[in-house]
Amino acid sequence: MHIKVDIMQWGKCYYFSTLKLMAFSALLESRIGICKNPVCFGLDPVLSLIPAEAGSPEDKIRKFYFDILEEFLKRNTMPAVAKPNSAYYECVSIGAMQVLAEIIATYRREGILVILDAKRGDIGKSSEAYAKAAFDVYGANATTVSPWMGSDSVKPFLRAENGVYILLRTSNAGAADFQDLKLASSEGKAYKAVAEKILEWDNSSIGAVVGATNARELAEIANFFCSQRKEIPFLIPGVSIPGVPGGQGGDAKEVMNALKEGGFKKNMHILNSSSGLGYAWQASGKPSNYASACADALERLMEAI
């Protein structure tokens, strides 16, 4: 279904022109205030979970996310942010990567901020190319970056009007392989060294990825930044929707309480749910209702927060 977008409306034109003048952290606060929620919708297409209809895989992906967006618009219930993971498009086809660019542009035209979850990070020149791809080619507001190659791999992403989320503390099973290694210089772990570097790279465009599945640790990391008088935006993946399989088990209420316990006060932290929102139809077993099921799940998540 085609989304009709009227971007010539004065209000939207003013909004989009204003975005270019705002630092990313301020832009986040503004967007969350407008939406009255900090939800990030993960757009990760899994073809086996997208209700089968006639057409190519690319057409199915496009229709799936455009139908969901149309349902959001119809209800006037919107997530603050959308986060497509580029790998889920790259593994389908070159054409699906073009669909990714279409989805980013269409969601952005409706005021939704878009984080391209690409987890880049390479030597300086390569990072410059990756930054141009994320911000200038795909047109994302922000992207995710691995810090493990150091400052020269991160700096090309640091644009005032764009955001970069540094992988700080992830919740996958293998995270302990490196993130939990003890530092020789202190009693802290390796991920704390990343947090300290983020402070050194202090920039209004920097945020951090911190998983949702360990509320105590989330509070401790928030407290570390607060102790340095530097609250930065957190992207918190892994929030699950009850009844929907495939989630990582993070609880929205526990996450919000952990942020408060850690001393965070600004409204610029986003909670991401991918499978829980996108494939919420699995809870009812009615795949034809995928768009309304996603919007229902979004509303439940907003209420929980």
Foldseek 3Di string as FASTA:
>chain_A
DDDDFDCVPPVNVVVVVVLQVAFPLVLLLVLCVVLVFQAEEELQDDPVLQPDDDDDSLVSSLCLLVLLVVLCVVVVHDHQAYEYEVVSQVVRDPSSNVSLLVSQVVCVSVVRAYEYEDAAFDAQVVLLVVLCCRCVVSNHQEYEYECVVHDSRCVSNADRSHAYAYEQAEDDPCSCVQQQPADPVDRGGPSVVVVVVCVVVDHSRYHYEHEQPDLQVLLVSLLVCVVVVHHGEYEYEQDAQPQFPDGNDGHLLSNVVSNVSSPDDGSNYHYYDYRRQQNQVNSVVDSVCRSVSNVVSSVVSSVSD
